[in-house]
Protein backbone atom coordinates (compact mmCIF):
# COMPACT_ATOMS: atom_id res chain seq x y z
CA MET A 1 23.61 -33.14 37.80
CA LYS A 2 24.83 -33.65 34.18
CA LYS A 3 24.05 -30.20 32.30
CA THR A 4 22.96 -31.21 28.89
CA ARG A 5 23.65 -29.51 26.24
CA LYS A 6 21.88 -27.34 23.64
CA PRO A 7 22.06 -27.62 20.03
CA SER A 8 23.60 -25.22 17.73
CA LEU A 9 21.57 -23.87 15.34
CA VAL A 10 23.00 -25.02 12.31
CA ALA A 11 22.47 -27.95 13.63
CA LEU A 12 19.25 -27.98 13.96
CA CYS A 13 18.43 -26.94 10.53
CA VAL A 14 20.18 -29.32 9.34
CA LEU A 15 18.49 -32.46 11.22
CA LEU A 16 15.18 -31.19 10.65
CA VAL A 17 15.90 -31.02 6.87
CA ALA A 18 17.02 -34.37 7.52
CA CYS A 19 13.57 -34.38 8.90
CA GLY A 20 12.12 -33.27 5.39
CA PHE A 21 10.96 -29.44 7.01
CA THR A 22 11.92 -26.77 5.03
CA VAL A 23 12.09 -23.15 6.33
CA ARG A 24 9.61 -22.49 3.97
CA ASP A 25 7.36 -24.16 5.42
CA CYS A 26 7.18 -21.89 8.60
CA GLY A 27 7.13 -18.17 6.68
CA LEU A 28 8.57 -15.40 8.28
CA THR A 29 7.08 -14.86 11.55
CA ALA A 30 7.76 -11.59 14.15
CA ARG A 31 11.28 -12.08 16.07
CA ASP A 32 12.30 -11.92 12.43
CA PHE A 33 11.98 -8.50 11.15
CA VAL A 34 14.08 -4.77 12.58
CA MET A 35 13.37 -1.88 11.58
CA VAL A 36 15.87 -0.22 9.34
CA SER A 37 14.72 3.28 9.76
CA GLU A 38 14.61 5.85 11.59
CA ASN A 39 11.03 7.65 12.26
CA GLY A 40 10.29 9.33 9.08
CA PHE A 41 13.97 8.81 8.08
CA ASP A 42 15.46 11.64 9.79
CA PRO A 43 14.20 13.56 13.05
CA VAL A 44 14.88 16.95 11.48
CA ASP A 45 12.83 16.78 8.15
CA ASN A 46 10.45 14.56 9.46
CA ALA A 47 9.94 17.69 11.79
CA GLN A 48 9.82 20.09 8.68
CA ASP A 49 7.59 17.56 6.81
CA GLY A 50 5.77 15.12 8.78
CA ASN A 51 7.22 12.11 6.89
CA LEU A 52 4.69 10.10 8.33
CA TYR A 53 3.35 7.25 4.92
CA PRO A 54 5.96 4.62 3.38
CA TRP A 55 3.05 4.97 0.10
CA SER A 56 5.50 3.36 -2.16
CA MET A 57 7.96 0.98 -2.84
CA GLU A 58 9.89 -0.11 -5.24
CA TYR A 59 13.62 -2.15 -5.70
CA PHE A 60 15.89 -0.84 -9.27
CA VAL A 61 18.42 -1.92 -10.88
CA PRO A 62 19.38 0.29 -13.57
CA ASP A 63 21.33 -0.92 -17.10
CA GLY A 64 24.39 -1.68 -16.15
CA ALA A 65 24.51 -1.84 -12.56
CA ASP A 66 25.12 -5.01 -10.98
CA ASP A 67 23.05 -4.55 -8.24
CA GLY A 68 20.46 -1.62 -7.07
CA TYR A 69 18.27 -0.56 -4.68
CA LEU A 70 15.33 -0.29 -2.24
CA TYR A 71 13.27 3.16 -3.23
CA VAL A 72 10.48 4.60 -0.85
CA GLY A 73 8.11 7.62 -1.22
CA THR A 74 6.70 9.34 0.96
CA GLY A 75 2.76 10.48 1.84
CA SER A 76 4.22 13.61 4.33
CA ASN A 77 1.74 15.37 6.50
CA ILE A 78 -0.91 13.06 6.12
CA ALA A 79 -3.22 14.86 8.49
CA ASN A 80 -4.40 17.39 6.73
CA ILE A 81 -5.39 15.34 4.22
CA VAL A 82 -9.30 15.47 6.40
CA PRO A 83 -10.03 18.15 6.96
CA ALA A 84 -8.48 19.99 3.40
CA VAL A 85 -11.25 17.05 1.63
CA ILE A 86 -14.00 18.37 4.72
CA GLY A 87 -12.79 22.08 3.85
CA VAL A 88 -13.99 20.71 -0.30
CA LEU A 89 -16.63 19.15 0.45
CA THR A 90 -18.31 21.83 2.88
CA GLY A 91 -17.05 24.84 0.68
CA GLU A 92 -14.91 26.49 3.16
CA GLY A 93 -11.90 25.59 1.32
CA GLY A 94 -9.51 23.62 -0.87
CA LEU A 95 -6.54 21.76 -1.18
CA GLU A 96 -4.80 24.70 -0.68
CA ALA A 97 -6.16 25.97 2.65
CA ALA A 98 -4.05 22.44 4.10
CA SER A 99 -1.04 22.75 5.54
CA LEU A 100 0.92 20.84 3.05
CA MET A 101 4.01 19.55 3.18
CA SER A 102 6.71 18.42 0.56
CA PRO A 103 7.46 14.43 -0.20
CA GLU A 104 10.07 13.15 -0.92
CA ILE A 105 11.61 9.51 -2.41
CA ARG A 106 14.63 7.59 -0.19
CA ARG A 107 16.61 5.01 -1.23
CA TYR A 108 18.62 2.85 1.50
CA ARG A 109 22.39 2.03 1.82
CA PRO A 110 23.11 -0.27 4.57
CA GLU A 111 26.86 0.32 3.02
CA TYR A 112 26.63 4.05 5.03
CA GLY A 113 24.51 2.54 7.66
CA ALA A 114 21.63 0.34 8.89
CA LYS A 115 19.52 2.42 9.43
CA ALA A 116 20.81 5.08 6.29
CA TRP A 117 18.50 6.14 4.12
CA GLU A 118 19.67 8.72 0.93
CA ARG A 119 17.20 11.41 -0.53
CA VAL A 120 17.18 11.20 -4.31
CA PHE A 121 14.50 13.63 -4.64
CA ASP A 122 12.29 16.12 -2.66
CA TYR A 123 9.62 17.96 -4.55
CA ARG A 124 10.26 21.42 -2.58
CA ASP A 125 13.82 21.11 -5.02
CA VAL A 126 11.65 20.91 -8.18
CA ASP A 127 8.13 23.19 -7.13
CA PRO A 128 8.38 24.60 -3.54
CA GLU A 129 5.03 26.08 -3.41
CA SER A 130 3.69 22.41 -4.93
CA LEU A 131 0.58 21.48 -3.51
CA THR A 132 1.62 17.70 -4.26
CA ILE A 133 0.95 15.75 -1.02
CA GLY A 134 2.67 11.99 -1.42
CA PHE A 135 4.61 10.06 -3.67
CA ARG A 136 1.07 7.38 -4.03
CA PHE A 137 3.05 4.73 -6.30
CA MET A 138 6.28 3.42 -7.86
CA THR A 139 7.62 0.87 -10.55
CA THR A 140 9.69 -0.31 -12.80
CA TYR A 141 9.40 -0.04 -16.60
CA ARG A 142 11.79 -1.08 -19.72
CA ALA A 143 10.05 1.60 -22.20
CA ILE A 144 10.02 0.14 -25.29
CA SER A 145 10.18 3.72 -27.23
CA ASP A 146 13.39 3.90 -25.84
CA GLY A 147 14.64 1.02 -24.43
CA VAL A 148 16.14 2.19 -20.69
CA ASN A 149 14.73 0.56 -18.13
CA TYR A 150 12.93 3.56 -15.58
CA VAL A 151 12.15 3.52 -12.01
CA TYR A 152 8.56 5.81 -12.34
CA ALA A 153 7.33 7.79 -8.95
CA ALA A 154 3.96 9.11 -9.03
CA THR A 155 2.14 11.42 -7.35
CA MET A 156 -0.94 12.39 -5.27
CA GLY A 157 -2.17 16.22 -5.07
CA ALA A 158 -3.56 19.16 -7.08
CA ASP A 159 -1.88 18.02 -10.32
CA PRO A 160 -1.07 14.47 -9.76
CA ALA A 161 2.14 13.78 -12.05
CA LEU A 162 4.42 11.55 -13.38
CA TRP A 163 8.46 11.01 -12.67
CA ARG A 164 11.05 8.97 -13.51
CA SER A 165 14.04 8.33 -13.53
CA ALA A 166 17.08 6.28 -15.75
CA THR A 167 19.07 5.95 -13.36
CA GLY A 168 17.31 6.54 -9.30
CA GLU A 169 20.54 9.31 -8.72
CA PRO A 170 19.76 12.94 -6.96
CA GLY A 171 19.69 15.48 -9.74
CA GLU A 172 19.06 12.85 -12.61
CA TRP A 173 14.50 12.71 -12.40
CA GLU A 174 12.27 14.16 -14.99
CA SER A 175 8.83 14.73 -15.46
CA VAL A 176 7.10 12.85 -17.69
CA GLY A 177 3.49 14.79 -17.69
CA SER A 178 0.50 15.51 -15.73
CA ILE A 179 -2.66 13.13 -15.80
CA GLY A 180 -5.64 13.15 -13.97
CA GLY A 181 -6.59 16.79 -14.98
CA ALA A 182 -4.89 20.23 -13.01
CA GLY A 183 -6.70 21.85 -10.42
CA SER A 184 -7.83 18.30 -9.24
CA ALA A 185 -8.26 18.40 -5.67
CA LEU A 186 -6.17 15.39 -4.15
CA GLY A 187 -6.04 14.01 -7.43
CA SER A 188 -3.94 11.01 -7.36
CA ILE A 189 -2.36 7.91 -9.85
CA ARG A 190 -2.72 5.32 -7.52
CA TRP A 191 -1.49 2.25 -9.13
CA MET A 192 0.60 2.01 -12.17
CA SER A 193 0.99 -1.62 -14.16
CA GLU A 194 2.68 -2.89 -17.56
CA HIS A 195 0.93 -5.30 -19.25
CA GLY A 196 1.45 -6.42 -23.18
CA GLY A 197 4.81 -4.50 -22.84
CA ILE A 198 2.46 -0.97 -22.14
CA LEU A 199 2.37 1.17 -18.61
CA TYR A 200 -0.56 1.10 -17.71
CA ILE A 201 -1.10 3.89 -15.52
CA CYS A 202 -4.82 4.42 -13.60
CA VAL A 203 -6.23 7.80 -12.45
CA THR A 204 -8.54 8.99 -8.78
CA PRO A 205 -9.76 12.18 -9.96
CA GLY A 206 -10.02 14.60 -7.22
CA LEU A 207 -12.85 16.22 -5.75
CA GLU A 208 -13.58 19.13 -8.04
CA ALA A 209 -12.89 17.04 -10.96
CA GLU A 210 -14.97 18.00 -13.63
CA THR A 211 -15.01 14.42 -15.46
CA PRO A 212 -15.30 11.99 -12.18
CA GLY A 213 -15.56 8.40 -12.55
CA GLY A 214 -11.57 7.35 -12.11
CA ALA A 215 -9.59 7.55 -15.47
CA ILE A 216 -6.94 4.41 -16.57
CA TRP A 217 -3.57 5.75 -19.14
CA ALA A 218 -1.20 3.73 -21.56
CA THR A 219 2.51 4.80 -21.99
CA ASP A 220 4.79 3.48 -24.07
CA GLY A 221 7.39 4.98 -22.83
CA ALA A 222 7.24 8.44 -24.65
CA THR A 223 3.14 8.77 -25.78
CA PHE A 224 0.34 8.99 -23.50
CA TRP A 225 -3.06 8.15 -24.59
CA PRO A 226 -6.46 7.59 -22.36
CA VAL A 227 -7.49 3.97 -22.27
CA VAL A 228 -11.10 4.57 -19.71
CA GLU A 229 -11.95 8.10 -18.88
CA ASP A 230 -15.48 7.86 -17.41
CA GLY A 231 -14.90 4.77 -14.44
CA PHE A 232 -16.23 2.52 -16.74
CA GLY A 233 -19.66 4.12 -17.75
CA ASN A 234 -20.57 4.12 -14.23
CA PRO A 235 -20.53 7.74 -12.38
CA ASP A 236 -20.97 5.75 -9.25
CA ASN A 237 -17.09 4.92 -9.64
CA SER A 238 -15.18 7.62 -7.58
CA GLY A 239 -11.58 6.14 -9.13
CA VAL A 240 -9.78 3.52 -10.46
CA TYR A 241 -7.90 1.96 -7.60
CA SER A 242 -5.76 -1.18 -8.82
CA LEU A 243 -3.99 -2.73 -11.34
CA ALA A 244 -3.37 -5.93 -11.90
CA SER A 245 -1.63 -8.32 -15.83
CA TYR A 246 -3.24 -11.38 -15.46
CA GLY A 247 -4.19 -14.36 -17.84
CA GLY A 248 -3.70 -11.58 -21.11
CA TRP A 249 -5.97 -9.29 -19.62
CA LEU A 250 -5.50 -5.89 -18.06
CA TYR A 251 -7.64 -5.94 -14.72
CA ALA A 252 -8.87 -3.19 -12.62
CA GLY A 253 -10.35 -1.45 -10.05
CA THR A 254 -12.84 0.98 -8.93
CA MET A 255 -14.11 2.51 -5.82
CA ASN A 256 -17.91 2.41 -5.47
CA TYR A 257 -18.73 3.86 -2.49
CA ALA A 258 -22.70 3.20 -3.74
CA THR A 259 -22.56 -0.31 -4.79
CA GLY A 260 -19.55 -1.58 -3.53
CA TYR A 261 -16.29 -2.08 -5.79
CA GLU A 262 -16.45 -3.80 -9.18
CA VAL A 263 -13.38 -5.27 -11.50
CA TRP A 264 -13.12 -5.23 -14.44
CA LYS A 265 -10.58 -6.69 -17.00
CA LEU A 266 -9.66 -5.30 -20.45
CA GLU A 267 -8.13 -6.84 -23.42
CA GLY A 268 -4.72 -4.39 -23.90
CA PRO A 269 -2.14 -3.82 -25.37
CA GLY A 270 -3.21 0.37 -25.76
CA ASP A 271 -6.57 -1.63 -26.12
CA ASP A 272 -7.62 0.73 -29.02
CA GLY A 273 -11.50 0.00 -29.41
CA THR A 274 -11.96 -3.11 -27.06
CA THR A 275 -14.79 -3.15 -24.79
CA PRO A 276 -13.81 -3.65 -21.45
CA VAL A 277 -16.10 -7.12 -19.40
CA GLN A 278 -16.82 -6.56 -16.06
CA VAL A 279 -15.79 -9.42 -13.89
CA VAL A 280 -16.61 -8.09 -10.50
CA ALA A 281 -19.40 -6.23 -9.16
CA GLY A 282 -20.73 -4.86 -5.38
CA GLY A 283 -18.09 -4.66 -3.89
CA GLY A 284 -17.37 -9.05 -4.07
CA PRO A 285 -19.16 -10.51 -1.00
CA ASP A 286 -20.48 -7.04 0.62
CA PRO A 287 -21.60 -4.26 -1.29
CA ARG A 288 -20.13 -2.16 1.37
CA ASN A 289 -16.54 -2.98 0.30
CA GLU A 290 -15.76 0.28 -1.12
CA GLY A 291 -12.72 -0.49 -2.83
CA ALA A 292 -10.32 -3.00 -4.64
CA MET A 293 -7.86 -1.19 -2.50
CA THR A 294 -5.07 -3.68 -4.12
CA MET A 295 -4.30 -6.68 -6.29
CA TYR A 296 -2.14 -9.36 -6.60
CA VAL A 297 -0.95 -12.45 -8.54
CA PHE A 298 -0.04 -15.10 -6.57
CA ASP A 299 -0.30 -19.44 -7.67
CA GLY A 300 -2.46 -18.58 -10.52
CA LYS A 301 -4.94 -16.63 -9.08
CA LEU A 302 -5.81 -13.07 -9.05
CA TYR A 303 -6.00 -11.84 -5.51
CA VAL A 304 -7.84 -9.43 -4.76
CA GLY A 305 -7.98 -6.78 -1.52
CA SER A 306 -10.95 -4.29 -0.15
CA GLY A 307 -11.29 -1.66 1.96
CA ILE A 308 -13.65 1.40 2.78
CA GLY A 309 -12.57 5.07 2.87
CA TYR A 310 -11.52 5.58 6.10
CA GLY A 311 -12.15 3.04 7.97
CA TYR A 312 -15.72 5.05 8.92
CA ASN A 313 -16.60 6.82 5.62
CA PRO A 314 -19.09 9.62 6.31
CA LEU A 315 -19.51 10.38 2.67
CA SER A 316 -21.60 6.54 2.82
CA GLY A 317 -21.99 5.85 5.74
CA ASN A 318 -20.21 2.84 5.31
CA GLY A 319 -18.05 1.65 7.81
CA PHE A 320 -17.05 -0.62 11.39
CA LYS A 321 -16.32 -3.21 9.14
CA GLY A 322 -13.26 -5.62 8.29
CA CYS A 323 -12.04 -6.04 4.99
CA ASP A 324 -12.58 -9.13 2.75
CA LEU A 325 -9.94 -10.75 0.43
CA ILE A 326 -11.32 -12.83 -2.94
CA ARG A 327 -9.74 -14.75 -6.29
CA LEU A 328 -10.11 -14.78 -9.54
CA GLU A 329 -9.28 -17.56 -11.67
CA GLU A 330 -9.16 -17.19 -15.40
CA THR A 331 -12.91 -18.08 -16.18
CA GLY A 332 -13.77 -15.12 -14.14
CA ALA A 333 -15.19 -17.33 -11.26
CA TRP A 334 -14.43 -15.59 -7.94
CA GLU A 335 -14.22 -16.84 -4.69
CA THR A 336 -14.18 -15.35 -0.87
CA ILE A 337 -10.97 -16.03 0.82
CA VAL A 338 -11.59 -14.24 3.51
CA GLY A 339 -14.79 -12.44 4.34
CA PRO A 340 -18.40 -13.85 4.74
CA ASN A 341 -18.64 -18.21 4.09
CA SER A 342 -14.96 -17.22 3.54
CA ARG A 343 -12.94 -20.86 2.54
CA SER A 344 -10.08 -19.57 4.61
CA GLY A 345 -12.82 -19.57 7.45
CA TYR A 346 -11.88 -16.16 8.19
CA ASP A 347 -14.39 -13.78 8.62
CA SER A 348 -14.20 -10.28 7.31
CA GLY A 349 -10.92 -8.32 8.41
CA PHE A 350 -9.20 -11.70 9.21
CA GLY A 351 -11.91 -11.89 12.44
CA CYS A 352 -11.62 -7.90 13.72
CA PHE A 353 -13.74 -5.14 11.92
CA THR A 354 -11.03 -2.64 12.93
CA ASN A 355 -9.24 -4.22 10.31
CA ALA A 356 -10.73 -1.46 7.54
CA TYR A 357 -8.08 -1.92 4.72
CA LEU A 358 -6.42 -5.33 2.98
CA TRP A 359 -3.67 -2.25 2.33
CA TRP A 360 -0.81 -4.60 0.49
CA MET A 361 0.10 -8.45 -0.56
CA GLU A 362 2.99 -9.46 -1.47
CA GLU A 363 4.80 -13.01 -2.25
CA HIS A 364 8.04 -13.96 -1.13
CA ASP A 365 9.89 -17.53 -0.51
CA GLY A 366 6.72 -18.99 -1.73
CA TRP A 367 4.50 -17.06 0.62
CA LEU A 368 1.53 -14.47 0.04
CA TYR A 369 1.63 -11.97 2.66
CA ALA A 370 -0.93 -9.77 3.23
CA SER A 371 -1.25 -5.94 5.21
CA THR A 372 -4.43 -4.39 7.30
CA TYR A 373 -4.55 -0.70 7.95
CA ASP A 374 -6.50 -1.15 11.46
CA MET A 375 -8.67 1.21 12.27
CA ALA A 376 -8.46 0.26 16.34
CA THR A 377 -5.53 2.72 16.77
CA SER A 378 -8.17 5.73 15.36
CA LEU A 379 -10.76 4.49 17.61
CA SER A 380 -8.12 4.57 20.69
CA MET A 381 -7.89 7.66 19.93
CA LEU A 382 -11.02 8.87 20.81
CA ALA A 383 -11.20 6.37 24.01
CA PRO A 384 -10.14 9.80 26.19
CA TYR A 385 -12.80 11.40 25.03
CA ILE A 386 -15.95 8.45 25.70
CA LYS A 387 -16.96 8.96 29.16
CA GLU A 388 -18.46 5.62 29.52
CA ILE A 389 -14.72 3.85 28.23
CA ILE A 390 -12.96 6.72 29.87
CA GLU A 391 -11.75 4.16 33.23
CA LEU A 392 -10.36 1.80 30.51
CA ILE A 393 -7.60 2.82 29.31
CA GLU A 394 -4.40 4.67 30.89
CA GLU A 395 -2.42 7.97 29.85
CA LEU A 396 -1.52 8.47 26.76
CA SER A 397 2.47 9.89 26.96
CA SER A 398 2.93 12.58 25.89
CA GLY A 399 5.81 12.28 23.73
CA GLY A 400 4.09 10.47 21.14
CA TYR A 401 2.20 7.45 21.22
CA LYS A 402 4.63 4.76 22.35
CA GLN A 403 2.38 4.24 25.50
CA ALA A 404 0.14 1.86 24.55
CA SER A 405 -3.58 1.85 26.56
CA ALA A 406 -5.57 -0.62 27.97
CA LEU A 407 -8.03 -0.26 25.04
CA ASP A 408 -5.16 -0.42 22.36
CA ARG A 409 -4.32 -3.74 23.79
CA VAL A 410 -7.86 -4.91 24.11
CA MET A 411 -7.57 -4.28 20.22
CA HIS A 412 -4.30 -5.40 19.30
CA ALA A 413 -4.40 -1.73 17.47
CA GLY A 414 -1.31 -1.90 14.54
CA GLY A 415 -1.36 -3.12 11.09
CA ASP A 416 -1.67 -6.94 11.36
CA LEU A 417 0.60 -9.28 9.01
CA TYR A 418 -0.92 -12.10 7.27
CA LYS A 419 0.89 -14.91 5.02
CA SER A 420 -0.20 -18.19 3.54
CA PRO A 421 1.78 -20.87 1.38
CA ASP A 422 -1.46 -21.02 -0.87
CA GLY A 423 -3.79 -18.37 -0.67
CA VAL A 424 -6.17 -19.93 1.26
CA THR A 425 -4.29 -21.16 4.29
CA TRP A 426 -4.23 -18.12 6.68
CA GLN A 427 -2.45 -17.17 9.69
CA PRO A 428 -1.35 -14.05 11.60
CA VAL A 429 2.53 -13.33 11.67
CA PHE A 430 1.53 -9.83 13.95
CA ILE A 431 -1.69 -8.01 15.25
CA ASP A 432 -0.15 -5.37 16.62
CA GLY A 433 1.80 -3.49 14.62
CA LEU A 434 5.63 -5.22 15.96
CA GLY A 435 4.13 -3.80 19.38
CA ASP A 436 3.66 -0.24 18.90
CA PRO A 437 -0.07 0.97 18.39
CA GLY A 438 1.11 4.05 16.04
CA ASN A 439 1.77 2.10 13.16
CA TRP A 440 -1.60 1.87 12.09
CA GLY A 441 -1.27 0.43 9.11
CA ILE A 442 1.75 -1.88 6.24
CA ARG A 443 1.25 0.26 3.62
CA THR A 444 3.65 -1.77 1.63
CA MET A 445 5.19 -4.55 0.70
CA LYS A 446 8.88 -5.75 -1.36
CA SER A 447 10.07 -8.92 -1.24
CA VAL A 448 14.14 -8.20 -1.95
CA GLY A 449 16.32 -10.95 -1.72
CA ASP A 450 16.28 -12.77 1.11
CA TYR A 451 14.22 -9.75 2.88
CA LEU A 452 11.10 -9.27 3.29
CA TYR A 453 10.66 -5.05 3.10
CA LEU A 454 7.61 -3.81 5.23
CA GLY A 455 6.21 -0.33 4.85
CA MET A 456 5.01 0.66 7.85
CA GLY A 457 2.78 4.05 8.47
CA ASN A 458 3.05 6.41 12.00
CA PRO A 459 1.12 9.56 11.87
CA PHE A 460 2.46 10.37 15.49
CA ASP A 461 6.10 9.43 15.25
CA GLY A 462 7.25 9.07 11.50
CA LEU A 463 6.60 6.04 8.80
CA GLU A 464 8.97 3.31 9.94
CA VAL A 465 10.58 0.60 7.42
CA TRP A 466 11.01 -2.84 8.76
CA ARG A 467 12.98 -5.95 6.98
CA GLY A 468 12.81 -9.46 7.68
CA ARG A 469 15.53 -12.54 6.54
CA SER A 470 13.97 -16.16 6.94
CA LEU A 471 16.46 -18.18 9.10
CA VAL A 472 17.90 -19.27 6.14
CA GLY A 473 19.04 -16.50 5.01
CA ARG A 474 20.40 -16.48 8.31
CA LEU A 475 22.31 -19.24 8.68
């Protein structure tokens, strides 16, 4: 029998391109991703600090440098947030009662090894008794006050603070002040966005804050001033969650347990006395959409993804409903892309109610990627305690959460990643945390050159960082 030779990868690509097909037409697949970190960065530090969430991710090139590094800020021992919240709500404790661990910032150094991450900032070094639990957001900003390009890192904890560095090097980070009110349990700077040359910072106040509602501050790199201090005048807005510069306006999304998130726009820069304009109310397509979790501008339109606190929010009773995605025009008109009666045909949560958060969006190689937090992992953890379904599951392994139960597999536990070439037509990249149900969500993403980096939240074994490269990038 005559043997048939398989065409080489290069020859196949040449043939496809000749036929008018490009790699961009496909986007990334699950097979394109490889893990580029140890769990929690390294076993010793993960055991000490519980590096469970890659809460923030940014690529930074300092002035005078030809290349930069990818930076990741951690959320430490996130499992302690829930008991701390319960303690505050019941009056039986506070943030100081939780077993909190110090967060850190690492940067990727592949020249030292495929999974090498250098520690550049450890909060323990500046305040070993700090009630700070994570670096919630990172961004770059060229301050108009001095013309220097900085990487900014914002925290969550008792005293939300802002740090920055002009180099990203260890020992070269400076505090630029606290924002949001000292002593406010679990206050958080959730988002930063440049608009009109000014850096805007949105704040979710803590559970013990004297002034609830959420705020937006602005800085030119030297001076800070408040822009919004009262949650846009709605006492049910419990925080400002997301920001985006779009169409000459600064857009802001809120958290609202009572009637659903709101989206407002402000003129800027500085917004000295201008009146914010509401463009979305009532959680968009569903009042159970409590938070405008993430915003992203893609192909000339603004996308807003929703979420429900914890997947099931005991404060509101909302839960067991998937996230929705809307997109806005510059006119203020909006439409549902994922959710009830959507353009894409996908119901809430991309058709899965356990996709509680649309956690991040990122453009890479012309495609829009959207990631989720999948509460199926949490629900699966309850399975051994529910008599009616105990026979459906297998014994979880004692060494962590690597052994997927039958319920995990049925519910496709683990964070999902979806992709779209046009913002309307969506398809899954993977729906199972890249094979590990412990990876219950893709908390953040960053496109850097040929690679799309994913930051996986894993509360069992420690965070993971993966990266995917297109076929073109591998030739």
